[in-house]
């Protein structure tokens, strides 16, 4: 079988609160690490979320 094009990634808060989002990304077109600015409800503000591996 062929390798899946989309993979699940974990977006971890850069505020070190332990909060994270799970999203999908296309591994063929987006080869670099995903960085998004999203809301962290623990820190109660918008912070950068960086991609890490799902275990």
PDB file of N, CA and C in Angstrom:
ATOM      1  N   UNK A   1       0.828  -1.186   0.000  1.00  0.00           N
ATOM      2  CA  UNK A   1       0.000   0.000   0.000  1.00  0.00           C
ATOM      3  C   UNK A   1       0.873   1.252   0.000  1.00  0.00           C
ATOM      4  N   UNK A   2       0.291   2.325  -0.453  1.00  0.00           N
ATOM      5  CA  UNK A   2       1.014   3.590  -0.521  1.00  0.00           C
ATOM      6  C   UNK A   2       1.025   4.287   0.831  1.00  0.00           C
ATOM      7  N   UNK A   3       2.025   5.127   1.013  1.00  0.00           N
ATOM      8  CA  UNK A   3       2.143   5.911   2.243  1.00  0.00           C
ATOM      9  C   UNK A   3       1.078   7.004   2.251  1.00  0.00           C
ATOM     10  N   UNK A   4       0.503   7.277   3.400  1.00  0.00           N
ATOM     11  CA  UNK A   4      -0.532   8.300   3.515  1.00  0.00           C
ATOM     12  C   UNK A   4       0.045   9.685   3.249  1.00  0.00           C
ATOM     13  N   UNK A   5      -0.706  10.512   2.537  1.00  0.00           N
ATOM     14  CA  UNK A   5      -0.250  11.857   2.221  1.00  0.00           C
ATOM     15  C   UNK A   5      -0.424  12.772   3.429  1.00  0.00           C
ATOM     16  N   UNK A   6      -1.557  12.654   4.113  1.00  0.00           N
ATOM     17  CA  UNK A   6      -1.786  13.496   5.286  1.00  0.00           C
ATOM     18  C   UNK A   6      -1.391  12.738   6.545  1.00  0.00           C
ATOM     19  N   UNK A   7      -0.757  13.461   7.447  1.00  0.00           N
ATOM     20  CA  UNK A   7      -0.349  12.893   8.721  1.00  0.00           C
ATOM     21  C   UNK A   7      -0.878  13.780   9.841  1.00  0.00           C
ATOM     22  N   UNK A   8      -1.173  13.173  10.981  1.00  0.00           N
ATOM     23  CA  UNK A   8      -1.601  13.939  12.139  1.00  0.00           C
ATOM     24  C   UNK A   8      -0.373  14.496  12.844  1.00  0.00           C
ATOM     25  N   UNK A   9      -0.449  15.764  13.250  1.00  0.00           N
ATOM     26  CA  UNK A   9       0.629  16.394  13.996  1.00  0.00           C
ATOM     27  C   UNK A   9       0.058  17.029  15.251  1.00  0.00           C
ATOM     28  N   UNK A  10       0.896  17.165  16.234  1.00  0.00           N
ATOM     29  CA  UNK A  10       0.517  17.769  17.505  1.00  0.00           C
ATOM     30  C   UNK A  10       1.130  19.162  17.558  1.00  0.00           C
ATOM     31  N   UNK A  11       0.312  20.177  17.805  1.00  0.00           N
ATOM     32  CA  UNK A  11       0.791  21.548  17.935  1.00  0.00           C
ATOM     33  C   UNK A  11       0.859  21.881  19.417  1.00  0.00           C
ATOM     34  N   UNK A  12       2.085  22.038  19.938  1.00  0.00           N
ATOM     35  CA  UNK A  12       2.300  22.267  21.363  1.00  0.00           C
ATOM     36  C   UNK A  12       2.510  23.747  21.615  1.00  0.00           C
ATOM     37  N   UNK A  13       1.914  24.250  22.696  1.00  0.00           N
ATOM     38  CA  UNK A  13       1.995  25.659  23.045  1.00  0.00           C
ATOM     39  C   UNK A  13       3.423  26.056  23.404  1.00  0.00           C
ATOM     40  N   UNK A  14       3.853  27.220  22.922  1.00  0.00           N
ATOM     41  CA  UNK A  14       5.181  27.720  23.261  1.00  0.00           C
ATOM     42  C   UNK A  14       5.192  28.390  24.629  1.00  0.00           C
ATOM     43  N   UNK A  15       4.013  28.539  25.263  1.00  0.00           N
ATOM     44  CA  UNK A  15       3.930  29.134  26.598  1.00  0.00           C
ATOM     45  C   UNK A  15       4.190  28.088  27.689  1.00  0.00           C
ATOM     46  N   UNK A  16       4.488  26.842  27.301  1.00  0.00           N
ATOM     47  CA  UNK A  16       4.787  25.738  28.221  1.00  0.00           C
ATOM     48  C   UNK A  16       3.665  25.484  29.239  1.00  0.00           C
ATOM     49  N   UNK A  17       2.418  25.545  28.756  1.00  0.00           N
ATOM     50  CA  UNK A  17       1.279  25.253  29.620  1.00  0.00           C
ATOM     51  C   UNK A  17       0.861  23.800  29.525  1.00  0.00           C
ATOM     52  N   UNK A  18       1.357  23.092  28.525  1.00  0.00           N
ATOM     53  CA  UNK A  18       0.974  21.698  28.335  1.00  0.00           C
ATOM     54  C   UNK A  18      -0.230  21.540  27.429  1.00  0.00           C
ATOM     55  N   UNK A  19      -0.815  22.641  26.983  1.00  0.00           N
ATOM     56  CA  UNK A  19      -1.975  22.595  26.092  1.00  0.00           C
ATOM     57  C   UNK A  19      -1.502  22.339  24.668  1.00  0.00           C
ATOM     58  N   UNK A  20      -2.293  21.560  23.908  1.00  0.00           N
ATOM     59  CA  UNK A  20      -1.927  21.274  22.525  1.00  0.00           C
ATOM     60  C   UNK A  20      -3.166  21.086  21.671  1.00  0.00           C
ATOM     61  N   UNK A  21      -2.985  21.278  20.367  1.00  0.00           N
ATOM     62  CA  UNK A  21      -4.001  21.000  19.361  1.00  0.00           C
ATOM     63  C   UNK A  21      -3.502  19.836  18.522  1.00  0.00           C
ATOM     64  N   UNK A  22      -4.423  19.060  17.947  1.00  0.00           N
ATOM     65  CA  UNK A  22      -4.072  18.006  16.995  1.00  0.00           C
ATOM     66  C   UNK A  22      -4.682  18.397  15.660  1.00  0.00           C
ATOM     67  N   UNK A  23      -3.862  18.374  14.601  1.00  0.00           N
ATOM     68  CA  UNK A  23      -4.326  18.753  13.273  1.00  0.00           C
ATOM     69  C   UNK A  23      -3.671  17.858  12.242  1.00  0.00           C
ATOM     70  N   UNK A  24      -4.091  17.993  11.005  1.00  0.00           N
ATOM     71  CA  UNK A  24      -3.508  17.232   9.903  1.00  0.00           C
ATOM     72  C   UNK A  24      -2.707  18.152   9.004  1.00  0.00           C
ATOM     73  N   UNK A  25      -1.670  17.595   8.357  1.00  0.00           N
ATOM     74  CA  UNK A  25      -0.939  18.363   7.368  1.00  0.00           C
ATOM     75  C   UNK A  25      -0.526  17.444   6.224  1.00  0.00           C
ATOM     76  N   UNK A  26      -0.387  18.034   5.063  1.00  0.00           N
ATOM     77  CA  UNK A  26       0.039  17.299   3.881  1.00  0.00           C
ATOM     78  C   UNK A  26       1.560  17.179   3.936  1.00  0.00           C
ATOM     79  N   UNK A  27       2.064  15.961   4.075  1.00  0.00           N
ATOM     80  CA  UNK A  27       3.494  15.759   4.250  1.00  0.00           C
ATOM     81  C   UNK A  27       4.287  15.978   2.973  1.00  0.00           C
ATOM     82  N   UNK A  28       3.646  15.951   1.823  1.00  0.00           N
ATOM     83  CA  UNK A  28       4.365  16.156   0.565  1.00  0.00           C
ATOM     84  C   UNK A  28       4.586  17.637   0.256  1.00  0.00           C
ATOM     85  N   UNK A  29       3.576  18.463   0.532  1.00  0.00           N
ATOM     86  CA  UNK A  29       3.695  19.883   0.180  1.00  0.00           C
ATOM     87  C   UNK A  29       4.257  20.724   1.321  1.00  0.00           C
ATOM     88  N   UNK A  30       4.043  20.310   2.557  1.00  0.00           N
ATOM     89  CA  UNK A  30       4.534  21.065   3.715  1.00  0.00           C
ATOM     90  C   UNK A  30       5.610  20.241   4.406  1.00  0.00           C
ATOM     91  N   UNK A  31       6.847  20.381   3.952  1.00  0.00           N
ATOM     92  CA  UNK A  31       7.926  19.564   4.492  1.00  0.00           C
ATOM     93  C   UNK A  31       8.551  20.167   5.738  1.00  0.00           C
ATOM     94  N   UNK A  32       8.380  21.474   5.955  1.00  0.00           N
ATOM     95  CA  UNK A  32       8.957  22.103   7.138  1.00  0.00           C
ATOM     96  C   UNK A  32       8.003  21.972   8.323  1.00  0.00           C
ATOM     97  N   UNK A  33       8.492  22.324   9.509  1.00  0.00           N
ATOM     98  CA  UNK A  33       7.690  22.237  10.730  1.00  0.00           C
ATOM     99  C   UNK A  33       6.580  23.277  10.705  1.00  0.00           C
ATOM    100  N   UNK A  34       5.410  22.894  11.174  1.00  0.00           N
ATOM    101  CA  UNK A  34       4.247  23.757  11.176  1.00  0.00           C
ATOM    102  C   UNK A  34       4.279  24.665  12.407  1.00  0.00           C
ATOM    103  N   UNK A  35       4.067  25.984  12.194  1.00  0.00           N
ATOM    104  CA  UNK A  35       3.997  26.955  13.279  1.00  0.00           C
ATOM    105  C   UNK A  35       2.773  27.808  13.051  1.00  0.00           C
ATOM    106  N   UNK A  36       1.878  27.853  14.046  1.00  0.00           N
ATOM    107  CA  UNK A  36       0.657  28.646  13.934  1.00  0.00           C
ATOM    108  C   UNK A  36       0.458  29.438  15.204  1.00  0.00           C
ATOM    109  N   UNK A  37      -0.185  30.581  15.071  1.00  0.00           N
ATOM    110  CA  UNK A  37      -0.529  31.386  16.229  1.00  0.00           C
ATOM    111  C   UNK A  37      -1.991  31.117  16.548  1.00  0.00           C
ATOM    112  N   UNK A  38      -2.227  30.509  17.726  1.00  0.00           N
ATOM    113  CA  UNK A  38      -3.575  30.116  18.121  1.00  0.00           C
ATOM    114  C   UNK A  38      -3.800  30.477  19.586  1.00  0.00           C
ATOM    115  N   UNK A  39      -5.045  30.319  20.029  1.00  0.00           N
ATOM    116  CA  UNK A  39      -5.420  30.681  21.392  1.00  0.00           C
ATOM    117  C   UNK A  39      -5.077  29.560  22.370  1.00  0.00           C
ATOM    118  N   UNK A  40      -4.426  29.920  23.452  1.00  0.00           N
ATOM    119  CA  UNK A  40      -4.128  28.989  24.535  1.00  0.00           C
ATOM    120  C   UNK A  40      -5.037  29.330  25.715  1.00  0.00           C
ATOM    121  N   UNK A  41      -6.034  28.484  26.004  1.00  0.00           N
ATOM    122  CA  UNK A  41      -6.974  28.806  27.088  1.00  0.00           C
ATOM    123  C   UNK A  41      -6.344  28.760  28.477  1.00  0.00           C
ATOM    124  N   UNK A  42      -5.250  28.040  28.656  1.00  0.00           N
ATOM    125  CA  UNK A  42      -4.586  27.995  29.953  1.00  0.00           C
ATOM    126  C   UNK A  42      -3.870  29.314  30.218  1.00  0.00           C
ATOM    127  N   UNK A  43      -3.166  29.835  29.200  1.00  0.00           N
ATOM    128  CA  UNK A  43      -2.469  31.114  29.325  1.00  0.00           C
ATOM    129  C   UNK A  43      -3.414  32.298  29.099  1.00  0.00           C
ATOM    130  N   UNK A  44      -4.580  32.009  28.533  1.00  0.00           N
ATOM    131  CA  UNK A  44      -5.606  33.015  28.231  1.00  0.00           C
ATOM    132  C   UNK A  44      -5.109  34.106  27.281  1.00  0.00           C
ATOM    133  N   UNK A  45      -4.347  33.684  26.252  1.00  0.00           N
ATOM    134  CA  UNK A  45      -3.893  34.613  25.212  1.00  0.00           C
ATOM    135  C   UNK A  45      -3.453  33.821  23.986  1.00  0.00           C
ATOM    136  N   UNK A  46      -3.218  34.531  22.893  1.00  0.00           N
ATOM    137  CA  UNK A  46      -2.737  33.905  21.668  1.00  0.00           C
ATOM    138  C   UNK A  46      -1.227  33.733  21.749  1.00  0.00           C
ATOM    139  N   UNK A  47      -0.760  32.525  21.468  1.00  0.00           N
ATOM    140  CA  UNK A  47       0.665  32.215  21.479  1.00  0.00           C
ATOM    141  C   UNK A  47       0.995  31.360  20.261  1.00  0.00           C
ATOM    142  N   UNK A  48       2.278  31.187  20.000  1.00  0.00           N
ATOM    143  CA  UNK A  48       2.718  30.330  18.895  1.00  0.00           C
ATOM    144  C   UNK A  48       2.626  28.871  19.316  1.00  0.00           C
ATOM    145  N   UNK A  49       2.131  28.060  18.411  1.00  0.00           N
ATOM    146  CA  UNK A  49       2.084  26.624  18.601  1.00  0.00           C
ATOM    147  C   UNK A  49       3.011  25.996  17.581  1.00  0.00           C
ATOM    148  N   UNK A  50       3.907  25.122  18.029  1.00  0.00           N
ATOM    149  CA  UNK A  50       4.886  24.478  17.155  1.00  0.00           C
ATOM    150  C   UNK A  50       4.602  22.988  17.040  1.00  0.00           C
ATOM    151  N   UNK A  51       4.927  22.457  15.891  1.00  0.00           N
ATOM    152  CA  UNK A  51       4.664  21.049  15.598  1.00  0.00           C
ATOM    153  C   UNK A  51       5.596  20.137  16.391  1.00  0.00           C
ATOM    154  N   UNK A  52       5.022  19.055  16.918  1.00  0.00           N
ATOM    155  CA  UNK A  52       5.816  17.986  17.516  1.00  0.00           C
ATOM    156  C   UNK A  52       5.187  16.660  17.108  1.00  0.00           C
ATOM    157  N   UNK A  53       5.830  15.578  17.450  1.00  0.00           N
ATOM    158  CA  UNK A  53       5.344  14.263  17.049  1.00  0.00           C
ATOM    159  C   UNK A  53       4.235  13.774  17.967  1.00  0.00           C
ATOM    160  N   UNK A  54       3.311  13.019  17.402  1.00  0.00           N
ATOM    161  CA  UNK A  54       2.284  12.340  18.195  1.00  0.00           C
ATOM    162  C   UNK A  54       2.849  11.002  18.610  1.00  0.00           C
ATOM    163  N   UNK A  55       2.742  10.681  19.875  1.00  0.00           N
ATOM    164  CA  UNK A  55       3.291   9.414  20.358  1.00  0.00           C
ATOM    165  C   UNK A  55       2.250   8.330  20.373  1.00  0.00           C
TER     166      UNK A  55
END
